[in-house]
N, C-alpha and C. Protein backbone atom coordinates (compact mmCIF):
# COMPACT_ATOMS: atom_id res chain seq x y z
N MET A 1 8.08 15.91 -39.85
CA MET A 1 6.62 16.21 -38.86
C MET A 1 7.32 16.03 -37.58
N SER A 2 7.92 14.92 -37.26
CA SER A 2 8.93 14.02 -36.09
C SER A 2 9.17 15.75 -35.17
N ASP A 3 9.77 16.58 -36.00
CA ASP A 3 10.54 17.33 -35.27
C ASP A 3 9.76 18.42 -34.62
N ASP A 4 8.86 18.67 -35.28
CA ASP A 4 7.73 19.49 -34.92
C ASP A 4 7.29 19.42 -33.83
N ILE A 5 7.01 17.98 -33.44
CA ILE A 5 6.18 17.18 -32.55
C ILE A 5 6.60 17.82 -31.50
N ALA A 6 8.38 17.25 -31.63
CA ALA A 6 9.53 17.10 -30.35
C ALA A 6 9.33 18.67 -29.94
N GLU A 7 9.51 19.27 -30.73
CA GLU A 7 9.59 20.70 -30.52
C GLU A 7 8.42 21.72 -29.82
N GLN A 8 7.16 20.68 -30.16
CA GLN A 8 6.31 21.22 -29.09
C GLN A 8 6.03 20.78 -27.56
N VAL A 9 6.38 19.39 -28.06
CA VAL A 9 6.94 18.82 -26.60
C VAL A 9 7.60 19.41 -25.66
N ALA A 10 8.72 19.75 -26.06
CA ALA A 10 10.19 19.94 -25.50
C ALA A 10 9.27 21.77 -24.95
N ALA A 11 8.37 22.13 -25.84
CA ALA A 11 8.02 23.09 -24.81
C ALA A 11 6.90 23.48 -23.84
N CYS A 12 6.26 22.35 -24.30
CA CYS A 12 5.61 21.95 -23.28
C CYS A 12 5.77 21.65 -22.14
N TRP A 13 7.18 20.49 -21.61
CA TRP A 13 7.49 20.47 -20.67
C TRP A 13 8.83 21.49 -20.09
N ASP A 14 8.25 22.88 -21.08
CA ASP A 14 9.68 23.72 -20.30
C ASP A 14 8.48 24.75 -19.72
N ASP A 15 7.29 24.57 -20.95
CA ASP A 15 6.40 25.25 -19.73
C ASP A 15 6.16 25.19 -18.37
N VAL A 16 5.96 23.44 -17.93
CA VAL A 16 5.69 23.08 -17.01
C VAL A 16 6.74 23.08 -15.88
N ALA A 17 8.31 23.17 -16.75
CA ALA A 17 9.15 23.25 -15.37
C ALA A 17 8.75 25.03 -14.68
N LYS A 18 8.49 25.91 -15.98
CA LYS A 18 8.73 26.97 -15.64
C LYS A 18 7.57 27.44 -14.62
N ARG A 19 6.60 26.72 -14.83
CA ARG A 19 5.51 27.14 -13.89
C ARG A 19 5.67 26.27 -12.33
N ARG A 20 6.35 25.79 -12.12
CA ARG A 20 6.67 24.36 -11.35
C ARG A 20 8.11 25.06 -10.69
N ARG A 21 8.72 25.68 -10.88
CA ARG A 21 9.59 26.24 -10.20
C ARG A 21 9.85 27.85 -9.73
N ALA A 22 7.99 28.62 -10.36
CA ALA A 22 7.53 29.40 -9.92
C ALA A 22 6.54 29.52 -8.77
N ALA A 23 6.27 28.49 -8.68
CA ALA A 23 5.33 27.44 -7.94
C ALA A 23 6.35 27.50 -6.27
N MET A 24 7.51 26.66 -6.60
CA MET A 24 8.59 26.15 -5.66
C MET A 24 8.88 27.74 -4.77
N ASN A 25 8.74 28.81 -5.89
CA ASN A 25 9.88 29.90 -5.32
C ASN A 25 8.71 31.09 -4.85
N LYS A 26 7.42 30.74 -4.62
CA LYS A 26 6.35 31.72 -4.39
C LYS A 26 6.29 31.90 -3.37
N GLU A 27 6.26 33.00 -2.54
CA GLU A 27 6.27 33.22 -0.76
C GLU A 27 4.90 33.94 -0.84
N TYR A 28 3.73 33.05 0.00
CA TYR A 28 2.41 33.10 -0.02
C TYR A 28 2.28 34.18 1.52
N SER A 29 1.73 34.78 1.84
CA SER A 29 0.98 35.65 2.71
C SER A 29 0.76 35.63 3.72
N ASP A 30 0.75 36.03 4.76
CA ASP A 30 0.09 35.23 6.17
C ASP A 30 -1.16 35.63 6.29
N VAL A 31 -1.68 36.71 5.59
CA VAL A 31 -2.79 36.65 5.63
C VAL A 31 -4.07 35.64 5.52
N LEU A 32 -4.77 34.88 6.53
CA LEU A 32 -5.56 34.17 6.27
C LEU A 32 -7.46 34.32 5.87
N ASN A 33 -7.10 34.74 4.87
CA ASN A 33 -8.76 35.05 4.18
C ASN A 33 -9.54 34.35 3.78
N SER A 34 -8.80 32.71 3.80
CA SER A 34 -10.41 31.19 3.14
C SER A 34 -10.37 30.92 4.42
N ASN A 35 -11.20 29.79 4.10
CA ASN A 35 -11.20 28.37 4.58
C ASN A 35 -10.98 27.23 3.48
N PHE A 36 -10.80 26.29 4.56
CA PHE A 36 -10.45 24.90 3.30
C PHE A 36 -11.71 23.98 4.82
N ASN A 37 -12.94 23.71 3.92
CA ASN A 37 -13.80 23.13 4.75
C ASN A 37 -13.42 21.65 4.02
N PHE A 38 -13.71 19.93 5.38
CA PHE A 38 -13.57 18.70 4.63
C PHE A 38 -14.31 17.77 5.52
N ARG A 39 -15.02 17.28 5.27
CA ARG A 39 -15.52 15.99 6.04
C ARG A 39 -14.96 14.48 6.00
N CYS A 40 -14.54 14.24 7.45
CA CYS A 40 -13.65 13.36 7.64
C CYS A 40 -14.45 12.65 9.04
N ASN A 41 -13.59 11.26 8.75
CA ASN A 41 -14.23 10.51 10.07
C ASN A 41 -13.98 10.91 11.58
N ASP A 42 -15.35 11.03 12.42
CA ASP A 42 -14.27 11.61 14.08
C ASP A 42 -13.13 10.56 14.32
N GLU A 43 -13.59 10.12 14.67
CA GLU A 43 -12.40 9.24 15.00
C GLU A 43 -10.62 9.69 14.61
N LEU A 44 -11.03 9.49 13.11
CA LEU A 44 -9.77 10.12 12.20
C LEU A 44 -9.55 11.48 12.88
N LYS A 45 -10.11 12.38 12.56
CA LYS A 45 -9.99 13.73 13.47
C LYS A 45 -9.33 14.03 14.73
N GLU A 46 -10.12 13.27 15.83
CA GLU A 46 -9.78 13.13 16.92
C GLU A 46 -8.30 12.36 17.09
N ASP A 47 -8.07 11.13 16.55
CA ASP A 47 -6.84 10.49 16.61
C ASP A 47 -5.49 11.38 15.90
N PHE A 48 -5.89 12.37 15.09
CA PHE A 48 -4.83 13.24 14.38
C PHE A 48 -4.93 14.35 14.93
N LYS A 49 -5.62 14.93 15.85
CA LYS A 49 -5.89 15.76 17.05
C LYS A 49 -5.36 16.00 18.25
N GLN A 50 -5.36 14.69 18.71
CA GLN A 50 -4.11 14.01 19.71
C GLN A 50 -2.26 13.58 19.02
N LEU A 51 -2.43 13.37 17.78
CA LEU A 51 -1.35 13.42 17.41
C LEU A 51 -1.00 14.61 17.17
N CYS A 52 -1.19 16.24 17.02
CA CYS A 52 -0.71 17.08 17.15
C CYS A 52 -0.37 17.57 18.01
N LYS A 53 -1.25 17.22 18.77
CA LYS A 53 -0.81 17.78 20.38
C LYS A 53 0.76 17.06 20.93
N ALA A 54 0.45 16.36 20.74
CA ALA A 54 1.49 15.42 21.27
C ALA A 54 2.78 15.42 20.22
N ASN A 55 2.71 16.36 19.68
CA ASN A 55 3.93 16.97 19.16
C ASN A 55 4.57 18.73 19.63
N GLN A 56 3.10 19.12 19.74
CA GLN A 56 3.12 20.43 20.12
C GLN A 56 3.03 21.22 18.79
N THR A 57 1.80 20.84 18.05
CA THR A 57 1.87 21.74 16.99
C THR A 57 0.57 21.25 16.66
N SER A 58 -0.80 22.33 15.99
CA SER A 58 -2.03 22.19 15.49
C SER A 58 -2.43 21.12 14.38
N PRO A 59 -3.39 20.79 14.28
CA PRO A 59 -3.79 20.29 13.10
C PRO A 59 -3.51 21.49 11.75
N THR A 60 -4.45 22.91 12.05
CA THR A 60 -4.11 23.68 11.32
C THR A 60 -2.62 23.84 10.44
N THR A 61 -1.83 23.83 11.70
CA THR A 61 0.25 24.19 11.14
C THR A 61 -0.12 23.23 10.06
N VAL A 62 -0.04 21.71 10.69
CA VAL A 62 0.29 20.57 10.09
C VAL A 62 -0.07 20.41 8.75
N LEU A 63 -1.46 20.93 8.21
CA LEU A 63 -2.13 21.03 7.29
C LEU A 63 -1.77 21.82 6.45
N LYS A 64 -1.19 23.13 6.99
CA LYS A 64 -0.95 23.95 6.21
C LYS A 64 0.58 24.31 5.05
N ARG A 65 1.17 23.11 6.37
CA ARG A 65 2.88 22.62 6.05
C ARG A 65 2.99 21.42 4.75
N TYR A 66 1.59 20.90 5.01
CA TYR A 66 1.68 19.79 3.94
C TYR A 66 1.47 20.42 2.67
N MET A 67 0.26 21.31 2.65
CA MET A 67 -0.15 21.53 1.32
C MET A 67 1.10 22.77 0.82
N LEU A 68 1.76 23.46 1.82
CA LEU A 68 2.84 23.99 1.12
C LEU A 68 4.00 22.98 0.31
N ASP A 69 4.20 21.76 0.79
CA ASP A 69 5.28 20.79 0.65
C ASP A 69 4.79 20.21 -0.74
N CYS A 70 3.63 19.92 -0.58
CA CYS A 70 3.01 19.78 -1.78
C CYS A 70 3.16 20.36 -2.97
N ILE A 71 2.87 21.87 -2.55
CA ILE A 71 3.51 22.66 -4.03
C ILE A 71 4.48 22.87 -4.43
N ARG A 72 5.67 23.26 -3.13
CA ARG A 72 6.89 23.26 -4.06
C ARG A 72 7.84 22.57 -4.29
N ASN A 73 6.86 20.78 -3.80
CA ASN A 73 7.73 19.90 -4.44
C ASN A 73 6.65 18.80 -5.81
N GLY A 74 5.52 19.70 -5.73
CA GLY A 74 5.23 19.63 -7.50
C GLY A 74 4.50 18.46 -7.26
N ARG A 75 4.41 18.15 -6.46
CA ARG A 75 3.39 16.29 -6.07
C ARG A 75 2.71 16.38 -4.99
N VAL A 76 1.71 15.53 -5.04
CA VAL A 76 0.87 15.43 -3.63
C VAL A 76 1.67 13.79 -2.60
N ALA A 77 2.34 14.55 -1.69
CA ALA A 77 3.03 13.13 -1.78
C ALA A 77 1.61 11.82 -0.70
């Protein structure tokens, strides 16, 4: 019975690994057809905008890059 369970667990992990590899290699379209709205503290937002500006980028670019990094790494950093 334990061999059956071990095989099922191995198959499950294999499936997870396949999905993760597929996500890591996925190419995303440049079509911007969706919004992602969330609430945050206005001071946090302003400080983040200033940090992005100091690094010659935009909050949108930084957040999209973060999302892609999370997908490709298979975890939220």
